[in-house]
Amino acid sequence: MKKDKSTSDDELRTEYKRSDFKKLERGKYYDRVKESSNVVVLDDEIAAIFPNSAAVNRALHTLVEVARKTPGLTRRSSRRAKTARR
């Protein structure tokens, strides 16, 4: 047996009253969710290269390993080293 669709979907049922509900607040938990979220949006060109998040994580881990093994990439050069080259 099919239900009668005489009322629209956005109206309350007869057993409920608007006064039974609190006033809704849009974005009430927005700041809390934003703080706990760790979403990174990639540029379209970059996203096209990586098929999924695992591939992005592998690439970033590899980049971190290379940076740690190469001392010149992780530390700022000193002024003394610049003058010695001249």
Protein backbone atom coordinates (compact mmCIF):
# COMPACT_ATOMS: atom_id res chain seq x y z
CA MET A 1 0.00 0.00 0.00
CA LYS A 2 1.38 3.42 -0.96
CA LYS A 3 1.44 6.39 1.38
CA ASP A 4 -0.69 9.39 0.60
CA LYS A 5 1.47 12.38 -0.35
CA SER A 6 -1.08 15.06 0.41
CA THR A 7 1.36 17.12 2.52
CA SER A 8 4.59 18.56 1.25
CA ASP A 9 7.90 17.20 2.54
CA ASP A 10 8.95 20.38 4.35
CA GLU A 11 5.92 20.65 6.65
CA LEU A 12 5.75 19.24 10.16
CA ARG A 13 3.53 16.33 10.98
CA THR A 14 0.37 17.17 12.88
CA GLU A 15 1.70 15.67 16.13
CA TYR A 16 4.63 18.12 16.20
CA LYS A 17 4.53 21.83 16.92
CA ARG A 18 7.14 24.41 16.00
CA SER A 19 7.27 25.50 19.65
CA ASP A 20 8.52 22.02 20.64
CA PHE A 21 11.87 22.75 18.98
CA LYS A 22 14.57 25.20 19.98
CA LYS A 23 15.53 27.99 17.65
CA LEU A 24 18.16 26.62 15.29
CA GLU A 25 21.51 28.33 15.02
CA ARG A 26 23.30 28.10 11.70
CA GLY A 27 27.00 27.22 12.03
CA LYS A 28 26.81 26.56 15.75
CA TYR A 29 29.66 24.04 15.68
CA TYR A 30 31.55 25.49 12.70
CA ASP A 31 34.58 26.74 14.69
CA ARG A 32 34.92 23.45 16.60
CA VAL A 33 34.81 21.39 13.40
CA LYS A 34 37.22 23.74 11.63
CA GLU A 35 39.78 23.38 14.45
CA SER A 36 39.61 19.59 14.46
CA SER A 37 39.62 19.30 10.68
CA ASN A 38 42.78 18.69 8.70
CA VAL A 39 41.56 19.11 5.13
CA VAL A 40 44.06 20.21 2.52
CA VAL A 41 42.84 21.35 -0.88
CA LEU A 42 45.23 20.68 -3.75
CA ASP A 43 45.49 22.72 -6.92
CA ASP A 44 43.82 21.06 -9.90
CA GLU A 45 47.17 20.42 -11.64
CA ILE A 46 48.56 18.67 -8.57
CA ALA A 47 45.38 16.68 -7.87
CA ALA A 48 45.48 15.35 -11.44
CA ILE A 49 48.90 13.79 -10.79
CA PHE A 50 47.91 11.82 -7.68
CA PRO A 51 45.19 9.17 -7.92
CA ASN A 52 44.39 9.11 -4.19
CA SER A 53 45.43 10.34 -0.74
CA ALA A 54 47.83 7.43 -0.22
CA ALA A 55 49.86 8.56 -3.24
CA VAL A 56 50.02 12.11 -1.88
CA ASN A 57 51.17 10.83 1.51
CA ARG A 58 53.88 8.65 -0.07
CA ALA A 59 55.19 11.59 -2.08
CA LEU A 60 55.26 13.87 0.96
CA HIS A 61 57.01 11.25 3.11
CA THR A 62 59.64 10.81 0.39
CA LEU A 63 60.13 14.56 0.18
CA VAL A 64 60.63 14.78 3.96
CA GLU A 65 63.20 11.95 3.86
CA VAL A 66 65.16 13.67 1.09
CA ALA A 67 65.05 16.99 2.95
CA ARG A 68 66.40 15.37 6.11
CA LYS A 69 69.23 13.62 4.26
CA THR A 70 70.28 16.76 2.40
CA PRO A 71 71.63 19.26 4.95
CA GLY A 72 71.60 22.26 2.62
CA LEU A 73 67.86 22.00 2.02
CA THR A 74 66.77 22.05 5.64
CA ARG A 75 68.99 24.76 7.13
CA ARG A 76 69.49 28.35 6.15
CA SER A 77 72.94 29.14 4.91
CA SER A 78 74.99 31.41 7.14
CA ARG A 79 76.29 34.79 6.06
CA ARG A 80 79.83 33.48 6.52
CA ALA A 81 79.31 30.79 3.88
CA LYS A 82 78.17 33.41 1.37
CA THR A 83 81.25 35.56 1.87
CA ALA A 84 83.55 32.57 1.57
CA ARG A 85 82.27 31.85 -1.95
CA ARG A 86 83.28 35.27 -3.28
